[in-house]
Amino acid sequence: VGAGTVRTGRLGPARLRGDLRARRGGPPAPIVVVSRS
């Protein structure tokens, strides 16, 4: 995600519903924030 998206304050940590967690076989993927400044 870009830094502008993060600066809105509306982007929280990634979460997974139980069914998707089971199919994924583990915890959610990390958010990677791309920011130059």
PDB file of all heavy atoms in Angstrom:
ATOM      1  N   VAL A   1       0.846  -1.189   0.000  1.00  0.00           N
ATOM      2  CA  VAL A   1       0.000   0.000   0.000  1.00  0.00           C
ATOM      3  C   VAL A   1       0.879   1.235   0.000  1.00  0.00           C
ATOM      4  O   VAL A   1       1.997   1.227   0.535  1.00  0.00           O
ATOM      5  CB  VAL A   1      -0.951   0.043   1.217  1.00  0.00           C
ATOM      6  CG1 VAL A   1      -1.919  -1.123   1.193  1.00  0.00           C
ATOM      7  CG2 VAL A   1      -0.178   0.076   2.522  1.00  0.00           C
ATOM      8  N   GLY A   2       0.378   2.310  -0.607  1.00  0.00           N
ATOM      9  CA  GLY A   2       1.111   3.563  -0.631  1.00  0.00           C
ATOM     10  C   GLY A   2       0.924   4.354   0.650  1.00  0.00           C
ATOM     11  O   GLY A   2      -0.031   4.147   1.406  1.00  0.00           O
ATOM     12  N   ALA A   3       1.828   5.291   0.887  1.00  0.00           N
ATOM     13  CA  ALA A   3       1.788   6.084   2.110  1.00  0.00           C
ATOM     14  C   ALA A   3       0.525   6.933   2.190  1.00  0.00           C
ATOM     15  O   ALA A   3      -0.009   7.167   3.275  1.00  0.00           O
ATOM     16  CB  ALA A   3       3.032   6.970   2.183  1.00  0.00           C
ATOM     17  N   GLY A   4       0.028   7.406   1.035  1.00  0.00           N
ATOM     18  CA  GLY A   4      -1.180   8.220   1.049  1.00  0.00           C
ATOM     19  C   GLY A   4      -2.372   7.465   1.609  1.00  0.00           C
ATOM     20  O   GLY A   4      -3.200   8.030   2.321  1.00  0.00           O
ATOM     21  N   THR A   5      -2.468   6.183   1.296  1.00  0.00           N
ATOM     22  CA  THR A   5      -3.544   5.353   1.838  1.00  0.00           C
ATOM     23  C   THR A   5      -3.425   5.249   3.351  1.00  0.00           C
ATOM     24  O   THR A   5      -4.417   5.334   4.082  1.00  0.00           O
ATOM     25  CB  THR A   5      -3.499   3.950   1.204  1.00  0.00           C
ATOM     26  OG1 THR A   5      -3.640   4.065  -0.208  1.00  0.00           O
ATOM     27  CG2 THR A   5      -4.612   3.069   1.744  1.00  0.00           C
ATOM     28  N   VAL A   6      -2.210   5.089   3.843  1.00  0.00           N
ATOM     29  CA  VAL A   6      -1.993   4.978   5.285  1.00  0.00           C
ATOM     30  C   VAL A   6      -2.329   6.282   5.980  1.00  0.00           C
ATOM     31  O   VAL A   6      -2.900   6.298   7.079  1.00  0.00           O
ATOM     32  CB  VAL A   6      -0.534   4.566   5.571  1.00  0.00           C
ATOM     33  CG1 VAL A   6      -0.260   4.522   7.075  1.00  0.00           C
ATOM     34  CG2 VAL A   6      -0.242   3.205   4.947  1.00  0.00           C
ATOM     35  N   ARG A   7      -2.006   7.411   5.345  1.00  0.00           N
ATOM     36  CA  ARG A   7      -2.239   8.715   5.979  1.00  0.00           C
ATOM     37  C   ARG A   7      -3.715   9.034   6.161  1.00  0.00           C
ATOM     38  O   ARG A   7      -4.066   9.934   6.929  1.00  0.00           O
ATOM     39  CB  ARG A   7      -1.543   9.819   5.183  1.00  0.00           C
ATOM     40  CG  ARG A   7      -0.042   9.876   5.448  1.00  0.00           C
ATOM     41  CD  ARG A   7       0.577  11.160   4.923  1.00  0.00           C
ATOM     42  NE  ARG A   7       0.732  11.135   3.481  1.00  0.00           N
ATOM     43  CZ  ARG A   7       1.825  10.724   2.846  1.00  0.00           C
ATOM     44  NH1 ARG A   7       2.865  10.275   3.534  1.00  0.00           N
ATOM     45  NH2 ARG A   7       1.885  10.753   1.539  1.00  0.00           N
ATOM     46  N   THR A   8      -4.602   8.316   5.477  1.00  0.00           N
ATOM     47  CA  THR A   8      -6.034   8.527   5.722  1.00  0.00           C
ATOM     48  C   THR A   8      -6.433   8.075   7.124  1.00  0.00           C
ATOM     49  O   THR A   8      -7.472   8.485   7.639  1.00  0.00           O
ATOM     50  CB  THR A   8      -6.886   7.755   4.701  1.00  0.00           C
ATOM     51  OG1 THR A   8      -6.729   6.342   4.909  1.00  0.00           O
ATOM     52  CG2 THR A   8      -6.526   8.126   3.274  1.00  0.00           C
ATOM     53  N   GLY A   9      -5.633   7.205   7.741  1.00  0.00           N
ATOM     54  CA  GLY A   9      -5.945   6.682   9.066  1.00  0.00           C
ATOM     55  C   GLY A   9      -6.997   5.594   9.064  1.00  0.00           C
ATOM     56  O   GLY A   9      -7.385   5.095  10.121  1.00  0.00           O
ATOM     57  N   ARG A  10      -7.441   5.182   7.880  1.00  0.00           N
ATOM     58  CA  ARG A  10      -8.521   4.202   7.791  1.00  0.00           C
ATOM     59  C   ARG A  10      -8.039   2.792   7.485  1.00  0.00           C
ATOM     60  O   ARG A  10      -8.829   1.865   7.423  1.00  0.00           O
ATOM     61  CB  ARG A  10      -9.527   4.648   6.722  1.00  0.00           C
ATOM     62  CG  ARG A  10     -10.151   5.998   7.016  1.00  0.00           C
ATOM     63  CD  ARG A  10     -11.126   6.437   5.956  1.00  0.00           C
ATOM     64  NE  ARG A  10     -12.306   5.591   5.879  1.00  0.00           N
ATOM     65  CZ  ARG A  10     -13.389   5.902   5.166  1.00  0.00           C
ATOM     66  NH1 ARG A  10     -13.438   7.032   4.475  1.00  0.00           N
ATOM     67  NH2 ARG A  10     -14.410   5.069   5.127  1.00  0.00           N
ATOM     68  N   LEU A  11      -6.752   2.644   7.303  1.00  0.00           N
ATOM     69  CA  LEU A  11      -6.195   1.328   6.989  1.00  0.00           C
ATOM     70  C   LEU A  11      -5.676   0.676   8.262  1.00  0.00           C
ATOM     71  O   LEU A  11      -4.716   1.150   8.870  1.00  0.00           O
ATOM     72  CB  LEU A  11      -5.056   1.448   5.973  1.00  0.00           C
ATOM     73  CG  LEU A  11      -4.402   0.131   5.566  1.00  0.00           C
ATOM     74  CD1 LEU A  11      -5.358  -0.684   4.710  1.00  0.00           C
ATOM     75  CD2 LEU A  11      -3.101   0.393   4.812  1.00  0.00           C
ATOM     76  N   GLY A  12      -6.328  -0.400   8.663  1.00  0.00           N
ATOM     77  CA  GLY A  12      -5.899  -1.121   9.858  1.00  0.00           C
ATOM     78  C   GLY A  12      -5.087  -2.346   9.506  1.00  0.00           C
ATOM     79  O   GLY A  12      -4.835  -2.640   8.330  1.00  0.00           O
ATOM     80  N   PRO A  13      -4.640  -3.086  10.502  1.00  0.00           N
ATOM     81  CA  PRO A  13      -3.904  -4.327  10.252  1.00  0.00           C
ATOM     82  C   PRO A  13      -4.760  -5.324   9.467  1.00  0.00           C
ATOM     83  O   PRO A  13      -5.988  -5.349   9.602  1.00  0.00           O
ATOM     84  CB  PRO A  13      -3.607  -4.855  11.661  1.00  0.00           C
ATOM     85  CG  PRO A  13      -3.739  -3.674  12.559  1.00  0.00           C
ATOM     86  CD  PRO A  13      -4.782  -2.800  11.940  1.00  0.00           C
ATOM     87  N   ALA A  14      -4.110  -6.132   8.655  1.00  0.00           N
ATOM     88  CA  ALA A  14      -4.834  -7.159   7.905  1.00  0.00           C
ATOM     89  C   ALA A  14      -5.401  -8.208   8.859  1.00  0.00           C
ATOM     90  O   ALA A  14      -4.744  -8.611   9.818  1.00  0.00           O
ATOM     91  CB  ALA A  14      -3.898  -7.816   6.886  1.00  0.00           C
ATOM     92  N   ARG A  15      -6.639  -8.618   8.596  1.00  0.00           N
ATOM     93  CA  ARG A  15      -7.280  -9.666   9.385  1.00  0.00           C
ATOM     94  C   ARG A  15      -7.911 -10.668   8.435  1.00  0.00           C
ATOM     95  O   ARG A  15      -8.207 -10.352   7.289  1.00  0.00           O
ATOM     96  CB  ARG A  15      -8.334  -9.073  10.323  1.00  0.00           C
ATOM     97  CG  ARG A  15      -7.741  -8.162  11.395  1.00  0.00           C
ATOM     98  CD  ARG A  15      -8.819  -7.617  12.333  1.00  0.00           C
ATOM     99  NE  ARG A  15      -8.257  -6.901  13.457  1.00  0.00           N
ATOM    100  CZ  ARG A  15      -7.925  -5.627  13.444  1.00  0.00           C
ATOM    101  NH1 ARG A  15      -8.111  -4.914  12.338  1.00  0.00           N
ATOM    102  NH2 ARG A  15      -7.409  -5.035  14.508  1.00  0.00           N
ATOM    103  N   LEU A  16      -8.130 -11.869   8.926  1.00  0.00           N
ATOM    104  CA  LEU A  16      -8.731 -12.921   8.111  1.00  0.00           C
ATOM    105  C   LEU A  16      -9.928 -13.520   8.831  1.00  0.00           C
ATOM    106  O   LEU A  16      -9.856 -13.809  10.024  1.00  0.00           O
ATOM    107  CB  LEU A  16      -7.719 -14.043   7.832  1.00  0.00           C
ATOM    108  CG  LEU A  16      -6.694 -13.840   6.719  1.00  0.00           C
ATOM    109  CD1 LEU A  16      -5.786 -15.051   6.639  1.00  0.00           C
ATOM    110  CD2 LEU A  16      -7.366 -13.591   5.388  1.00  0.00           C
ATOM    111  N   ARG A  17     -11.019 -13.727   8.091  1.00  0.00           N
ATOM    112  CA  ARG A  17     -12.140 -14.496   8.637  1.00  0.00           C
ATOM    113  C   ARG A  17     -11.695 -15.938   8.829  1.00  0.00           C
ATOM    114  O   ARG A  17     -10.751 -16.403   8.206  1.00  0.00           O
ATOM    115  CB  ARG A  17     -13.331 -14.466   7.675  1.00  0.00           C
ATOM    116  CG  ARG A  17     -13.952 -13.115   7.474  1.00  0.00           C
ATOM    117  CD  ARG A  17     -15.152 -13.219   6.568  1.00  0.00           C
ATOM    118  NE  ARG A  17     -15.022 -14.260   5.557  1.00  0.00           N
ATOM    119  CZ  ARG A  17     -15.760 -14.313   4.466  1.00  0.00           C
ATOM    120  NH1 ARG A  17     -16.670 -13.409   4.237  1.00  0.00           N
ATOM    121  NH2 ARG A  17     -15.590 -15.290   3.600  1.00  0.00           N
ATOM    122  N   GLY A  18     -12.412 -16.628   9.691  1.00  0.00           N
ATOM    123  CA  GLY A  18     -12.026 -18.000  10.017  1.00  0.00           C
ATOM    124  C   GLY A  18     -11.930 -18.909   8.817  1.00  0.00           C
ATOM    125  O   GLY A  18     -10.992 -19.716   8.711  1.00  0.00           O
ATOM    126  N   ASP A  19     -12.885 -18.816   7.887  1.00  0.00           N
ATOM    127  CA  ASP A  19     -12.858 -19.712   6.734  1.00  0.00           C
ATOM    128  C   ASP A  19     -11.669 -19.432   5.827  1.00  0.00           C
ATOM    129  O   ASP A  19     -11.019 -20.348   5.321  1.00  0.00           O
ATOM    130  CB  ASP A  19     -14.179 -19.624   5.952  1.00  0.00           C
ATOM    131  CG  ASP A  19     -14.463 -18.212   5.441  1.00  0.00           C
ATOM    132  OD1 ASP A  19     -14.103 -17.242   6.132  1.00  0.00           O
ATOM    133  OD2 ASP A  19     -15.038 -18.092   4.346  1.00  0.00           O
ATOM    134  N   LEU A  20     -11.345 -18.142   5.628  1.00  0.00           N
ATOM    135  CA  LEU A  20     -10.205 -17.807   4.786  1.00  0.00           C
ATOM    136  C   LEU A  20      -8.885 -18.134   5.477  1.00  0.00           C
ATOM    137  O   LEU A  20      -7.920 -18.547   4.826  1.00  0.00           O
ATOM    138  CB  LEU A  20     -10.248 -16.324   4.403  1.00  0.00           C
ATOM    139  CG  LEU A  20     -11.332 -15.944   3.393  1.00  0.00           C
ATOM    140  CD1 LEU A  20     -11.362 -14.445   3.189  1.00  0.00           C
ATOM    141  CD2 LEU A  20     -11.131 -16.665   2.064  1.00  0.00           C
ATOM    142  N   ARG A  21      -8.843 -17.989   6.792  1.00  0.00           N
ATOM    143  CA  ARG A  21      -7.639 -18.362   7.534  1.00  0.00           C
ATOM    144  C   ARG A  21      -7.371 -19.862   7.377  1.00  0.00           C
ATOM    145  O   ARG A  21      -6.226 -20.290   7.194  1.00  0.00           O
ATOM    146  CB  ARG A  21      -7.788 -18.004   9.005  1.00  0.00           C
ATOM    147  CG  ARG A  21      -6.577 -18.350   9.869  1.00  0.00           C
ATOM    148  CD  ARG A  21      -6.852 -18.017  11.333  1.00  0.00           C
ATOM    149  NE  ARG A  21      -6.883 -16.601  11.545  1.00  0.00           N
ATOM    150  CZ  ARG A  21      -5.838 -15.874  11.938  1.00  0.00           C
ATOM    151  NH1 ARG A  21      -4.666 -16.465  12.151  1.00  0.00           N
ATOM    152  NH2 ARG A  21      -5.940 -14.580  12.124  1.00  0.00           N
ATOM    153  N   ALA A  22      -8.449 -20.656   7.436  1.00  0.00           N
ATOM    154  CA  ALA A  22      -8.292 -22.099   7.298  1.00  0.00           C
ATOM    155  C   ALA A  22      -7.798 -22.461   5.890  1.00  0.00           C
ATOM    156  O   ALA A  22      -6.921 -23.314   5.732  1.00  0.00           O
ATOM    157  CB  ALA A  22      -9.609 -22.797   7.599  1.00  0.00           C
ATOM    158  N   ARG A  23      -8.331 -21.802   4.888  1.00  0.00           N
ATOM    159  CA  ARG A  23      -7.924 -22.113   3.523  1.00  0.00           C
ATOM    160  C   ARG A  23      -6.502 -21.614   3.248  1.00  0.00           C
ATOM    161  O   ARG A  23      -5.750 -22.260   2.514  1.00  0.00           O
ATOM    162  CB  ARG A  23      -8.907 -21.501   2.526  1.00  0.00           C
ATOM    163  CG  ARG A  23     -10.305 -22.063   2.652  1.00  0.00           C
ATOM    164  CD  ARG A  23     -11.276 -21.483   1.653  1.00  0.00           C
ATOM    165  NE  ARG A  23     -11.160 -22.111   0.346  1.00  0.00           N
ATOM    166  CZ  ARG A  23     -12.019 -21.921  -0.649  1.00  0.00           C
ATOM    167  NH1 ARG A  23     -13.070 -21.128  -0.477  1.00  0.00           N
ATOM    168  NH2 ARG A  23     -11.850 -22.527  -1.807  1.00  0.00           N
ATOM    169  N   ARG A  24      -6.156 -20.499   3.834  1.00  0.00           N
ATOM    170  CA  ARG A  24      -4.801 -19.975   3.676  1.00  0.00           C
ATOM    171  C   ARG A  24      -3.797 -20.840   4.432  1.00  0.00           C
ATOM    172  O   ARG A  24      -2.649 -20.989   4.018  1.00  0.00           O
ATOM    173  CB  ARG A  24      -4.746 -18.533   4.195  1.00  0.00           C
ATOM    174  CG  ARG A  24      -3.359 -17.904   4.149  1.00  0.00           C
ATOM    175  CD  ARG A  24      -3.392 -16.471   4.685  1.00  0.00           C
ATOM    176  NE  ARG A  24      -2.058 -15.914   4.816  1.00  0.00           N
ATOM    177  CZ  ARG A  24      -1.357 -15.367   3.837  1.00  0.00           C
ATOM    178  NH1 ARG A  24      -1.890 -15.295   2.625  1.00  0.00           N
ATOM    179  NH2 ARG A  24      -0.136 -14.893   4.038  1.00  0.00           N
ATOM    180  N   GLY A  25      -4.251 -21.395   5.554  1.00  0.00           N
ATOM    181  CA  GLY A  25      -3.376 -22.238   6.351  1.00  0.00           C
ATOM    182  C   GLY A  25      -2.450 -21.476   7.270  1.00  0.00           C
ATOM    183  O   GLY A  25      -1.379 -21.993   7.644  1.00  0.00           O
ATOM    184  N   GLY A  26      -2.849 -20.258   7.665  1.00  0.00           N
ATOM    185  CA  GLY A  26      -1.993 -19.485   8.548  1.00  0.00           C
ATOM    186  C   GLY A  26      -2.504 -18.078   8.736  1.00  0.00           C
ATOM    187  O   GLY A  26      -3.605 -17.728   8.298  1.00  0.00           O
ATOM    188  N   PRO A  27      -1.722 -17.234   9.406  1.00  0.00           N
ATOM    189  CA  PRO A  27      -2.132 -15.860   9.706  1.00  0.00           C
ATOM    190  C   PRO A  27      -2.200 -14.999   8.461  1.00  0.00           C
ATOM    191  O   PRO A  27      -1.722 -15.401   7.389  1.00  0.00           O
ATOM    192  CB  PRO A  27      -1.035 -15.386  10.670  1.00  0.00           C
ATOM    193  CG  PRO A  27       0.159 -16.198  10.307  1.00  0.00           C
ATOM    194  CD  PRO A  27      -0.376 -17.549   9.924  1.00  0.00           C
ATOM    195  N   PRO A  28      -2.755 -13.803   8.577  1.00  0.00           N
ATOM    196  CA  PRO A  28      -2.875 -12.927   7.407  1.00  0.00           C
ATOM    197  C   PRO A  28      -1.530 -12.459   6.891  1.00  0.00           C
ATOM    198  O   PRO A  28      -0.520 -12.480   7.607  1.00  0.00           O
ATOM    199  CB  PRO A  28      -3.706 -11.746   7.939  1.00  0.00           C
ATOM    200  CG  PRO A  28      -3.512 -11.762   9.414  1.00  0.00           C
ATOM    201  CD  PRO A  28      -3.350 -13.201   9.779  1.00  0.00           C
ATOM    202  N   ALA A  29      -1.537 -12.028   5.652  1.00  0.00           N
ATOM    203  CA  ALA A  29      -0.332 -11.465   5.048  1.00  0.00           C
ATOM    204  C   ALA A  29      -0.018 -10.124   5.699  1.00  0.00           C
ATOM    205  O   ALA A  29      -0.916  -9.407   6.146  1.00  0.00           O
ATOM    206  CB  ALA A  29      -0.534 -11.277   3.546  1.00  0.00           C
ATOM    207  N   PRO A  30       1.256  -9.743   5.738  1.00  0.00           N
ATOM    208  CA  PRO A  30       1.598  -8.441   6.296  1.00  0.00           C
ATOM    209  C   PRO A  30       1.250  -7.313   5.339  1.00  0.00           C
ATOM    210  O   PRO A  30       1.261  -7.485   4.117  1.00  0.00           O
ATOM    211  CB  PRO A  30       3.118  -8.540   6.480  1.00  0.00           C
ATOM    212  CG  PRO A  30       3.552  -9.470   5.392  1.00  0.00           C
ATOM    213  CD  PRO A  30       2.443 -10.485   5.275  1.00  0.00           C
ATOM    214  N   ILE A  31       0.935  -6.150   5.903  1.00  0.00           N
ATOM    215  CA  ILE A  31       0.837  -4.934   5.114  1.00  0.00           C
ATOM    216  C   ILE A  31       2.256  -4.402   4.913  1.00  0.00           C
ATOM    217  O   ILE A  31       3.052  -4.343   5.855  1.00  0.00           O
ATOM    218  CB  ILE A  31      -0.019  -3.871   5.831  1.00  0.00           C
ATOM    219  CG1 ILE A  31      -1.439  -4.397   6.083  1.00  0.00           C
ATOM    220  CG2 ILE A  31      -0.053  -2.574   5.025  1.00  0.00           C
ATOM    221  CD1 ILE A  31      -2.274  -4.581   4.853  1.00  0.00           C
ATOM    222  N   VAL A  32       2.573  -4.011   3.690  1.00  0.00           N
ATOM    223  CA  VAL A  32       3.871  -3.422   3.373  1.00  0.00           C
ATOM    224  C   VAL A  32       3.629  -1.986   2.924  1.00  0.00           C
ATOM    225  O   VAL A  32       3.023  -1.746   1.880  1.00  0.00           O
ATOM    226  CB  VAL A  32       4.595  -4.210   2.262  1.00  0.00           C
ATOM    227  CG1 VAL A  32       5.917  -3.543   1.902  1.00  0.00           C
ATOM    228  CG2 VAL A  32       4.815  -5.657   2.688  1.00  0.00           C
ATOM    229  N   VAL A  33       4.043  -1.038   3.723  1.00  0.00           N
ATOM    230  CA  VAL A  33       3.827   0.378   3.450  1.00  0.00           C
ATOM    231  C   VAL A  33       5.020   0.923   2.682  1.00  0.00           C
ATOM    232  O   VAL A  33       6.161   0.836   3.144  1.00  0.00           O
ATOM    233  CB  VAL A  33       3.642   1.176   4.757  1.00  0.00           C
ATOM    234  CG1 VAL A  33       3.428   2.656   4.457  1.00  0.00           C
ATOM    235  CG2 VAL A  33       2.482   0.616   5.560  1.00  0.00           C
ATOM    236  N   VAL A  34       4.766   1.507   1.509  1.00  0.00           N
ATOM    237  CA  VAL A  34       5.823   2.070   0.682  1.00  0.00           C
ATOM    238  C   VAL A  34       5.811   3.586   0.852  1.00  0.00           C
ATOM    239  O   VAL A  34       4.814   4.248   0.534  1.00  0.00           O
ATOM    240  CB  VAL A  34       5.634   1.697  -0.802  1.00  0.00           C
ATOM    241  CG1 VAL A  34       6.771   2.259  -1.649  1.00  0.00           C
ATOM    242  CG2 VAL A  34       5.545   0.179  -0.960  1.00  0.00           C
ATOM    243  N   SER A  35       6.895   4.130   1.379  1.00  0.00           N
ATOM    244  CA  SER A  35       6.952   5.564   1.662  1.00  0.00           C
ATOM    245  C   SER A  35       8.370   6.078   1.485  1.00  0.00           C
ATOM    246  O   SER A  35       9.300   5.582   2.115  1.00  0.00           O
ATOM    247  CB  SER A  35       6.477   5.851   3.092  1.00  0.00           C
ATOM    248  OG  SER A  35       6.628   7.226   3.397  1.00  0.00           O
ATOM    249  N   ARG A  36       8.507   7.111   0.682  1.00  0.00           N
ATOM    250  CA  ARG A  36       9.809   7.761   0.518  1.00  0.00           C
ATOM    251  C   ARG A  36      10.079   8.726   1.666  1.00  0.00           C
ATOM    252  O   ARG A  36      11.189   8.771   2.207  1.00  0.00           O
ATOM    253  CB  ARG A  36       9.851   8.512  -0.812  1.00  0.00           C
ATOM    254  CG  ARG A  36      11.154   9.272  -1.061  1.00  0.00           C
ATOM    255  CD  ARG A  36      11.094  10.044  -2.365  1.00  0.00           C
ATOM    256  NE  ARG A  36      10.001  11.012  -2.355  1.00  0.00           N
ATOM    257  CZ  ARG A  36       9.642  11.760  -3.392  1.00  0.00           C
ATOM    258  NH1 ARG A  36      10.278  11.633  -4.541  1.00  0.00           N
ATOM    259  NH2 ARG A  36       8.651  12.619  -3.307  1.00  0.00           N
ATOM    260  N   SER A  37       9.070   9.491   2.066  1.00  0.00           N
ATOM    261  CA  SER A  37       9.271  10.558   3.050  1.00  0.00           C
ATOM    262  C   SER A  37       9.125  10.093   4.489  1.00  0.00           C
ATOM    263  O   SER A  37       9.600  10.764   5.409  1.00  0.00           O
ATOM    264  CB  SER A  37       8.266  11.687   2.797  1.00  0.00           C
ATOM    265  OG  SER A  37       6.944  11.252   3.103  1.00  0.00           O
TER     266      SER A  37
END
